[in-house]
Amino acid sequence: MLLFRWAILFLLLVAGVCFAFYAGTGQVKYKRIGWIVLRWTLLAALGFFAVLIAERIA
């Protein structure tokens, strides 16, 4: 559980750094990478919380 939380936090920070690089350099590749990382991070977080909710219900 703790490892998964740290992984989500790390990936959110990576996405933030990518967006900061995009803001600083204007290169579109950083924005694209940031969106990809953010999208997969949010999907993983939703799956994690779905498992937690399913454990509480069962």
Protein backbone atom coordinates (compact mmCIF):
# COMPACT_ATOMS: atom_id res chain seq x y z
CA MET A 1 0.00 0.00 0.00
CA LEU A 2 2.68 2.46 0.99
CA LEU A 3 4.77 1.59 -2.04
CA PHE A 4 1.82 2.18 -4.36
CA ARG A 5 1.11 5.57 -2.77
CA TRP A 6 4.74 6.61 -3.22
CA ALA A 7 4.67 5.43 -6.83
CA ILE A 8 1.58 7.53 -7.57
CA LEU A 9 3.14 10.56 -5.89
CA PHE A 10 6.37 10.07 -7.85
CA LEU A 11 4.52 9.76 -11.16
CA LEU A 12 2.50 12.91 -10.43
CA LEU A 13 5.75 14.74 -9.75
CA VAL A 14 7.20 13.42 -13.04
CA ALA A 15 4.15 14.72 -14.90
CA GLY A 16 4.54 18.10 -13.18
CA VAL A 17 8.21 18.28 -14.14
CA CYS A 18 7.32 17.45 -17.75
CA PHE A 19 4.76 20.28 -17.81
CA ALA A 20 7.33 22.64 -16.27
CA PHE A 21 9.83 21.67 -18.98
CA TYR A 22 7.14 22.35 -21.58
CA ALA A 23 6.46 25.77 -20.05
CA GLY A 24 10.17 26.54 -19.98
CA THR A 25 11.21 25.26 -23.38
CA GLY A 26 8.00 25.26 -25.43
CA GLN A 27 8.80 21.80 -26.84
CA VAL A 28 5.60 19.88 -27.43
CA LYS A 29 7.20 16.50 -26.63
CA TYR A 30 7.30 17.38 -22.92
CA LYS A 31 3.60 18.21 -22.88
CA ARG A 32 2.79 14.94 -24.67
CA ILE A 33 4.87 12.90 -22.23
CA GLY A 34 3.32 14.75 -19.29
CA TRP A 35 -0.20 13.94 -20.48
CA ILE A 36 0.66 10.29 -21.02
CA VAL A 37 2.19 9.94 -17.56
CA LEU A 38 -0.70 11.83 -15.94
CA ARG A 39 -3.35 9.75 -17.72
CA TRP A 40 -1.81 6.41 -16.72
CA THR A 41 -1.19 7.63 -13.18
CA LEU A 42 -4.82 8.63 -12.75
CA LEU A 43 -6.02 5.32 -14.20
CA ALA A 44 -3.77 3.42 -11.80
CA ALA A 45 -4.96 5.54 -8.87
CA LEU A 46 -8.61 4.93 -9.76
CA GLY A 47 -7.93 1.20 -9.96
CA PHE A 48 -6.18 1.30 -6.58
CA PHE A 49 -9.08 3.09 -4.93
CA ALA A 50 -11.58 0.75 -6.60
CA VAL A 51 -9.78 -2.19 -5.00
CA LEU A 52 -9.84 -0.45 -1.61
CA ILE A 53 -13.57 0.22 -1.91
CA ALA A 54 -14.23 -3.37 -3.02
CA GLU A 55 -12.32 -4.66 0.04
CA ARG A 56 -14.44 -2.53 2.36
CA ILE A 57 -17.69 -3.71 0.78
CA ALA A 58 -16.80 -7.40 0.84
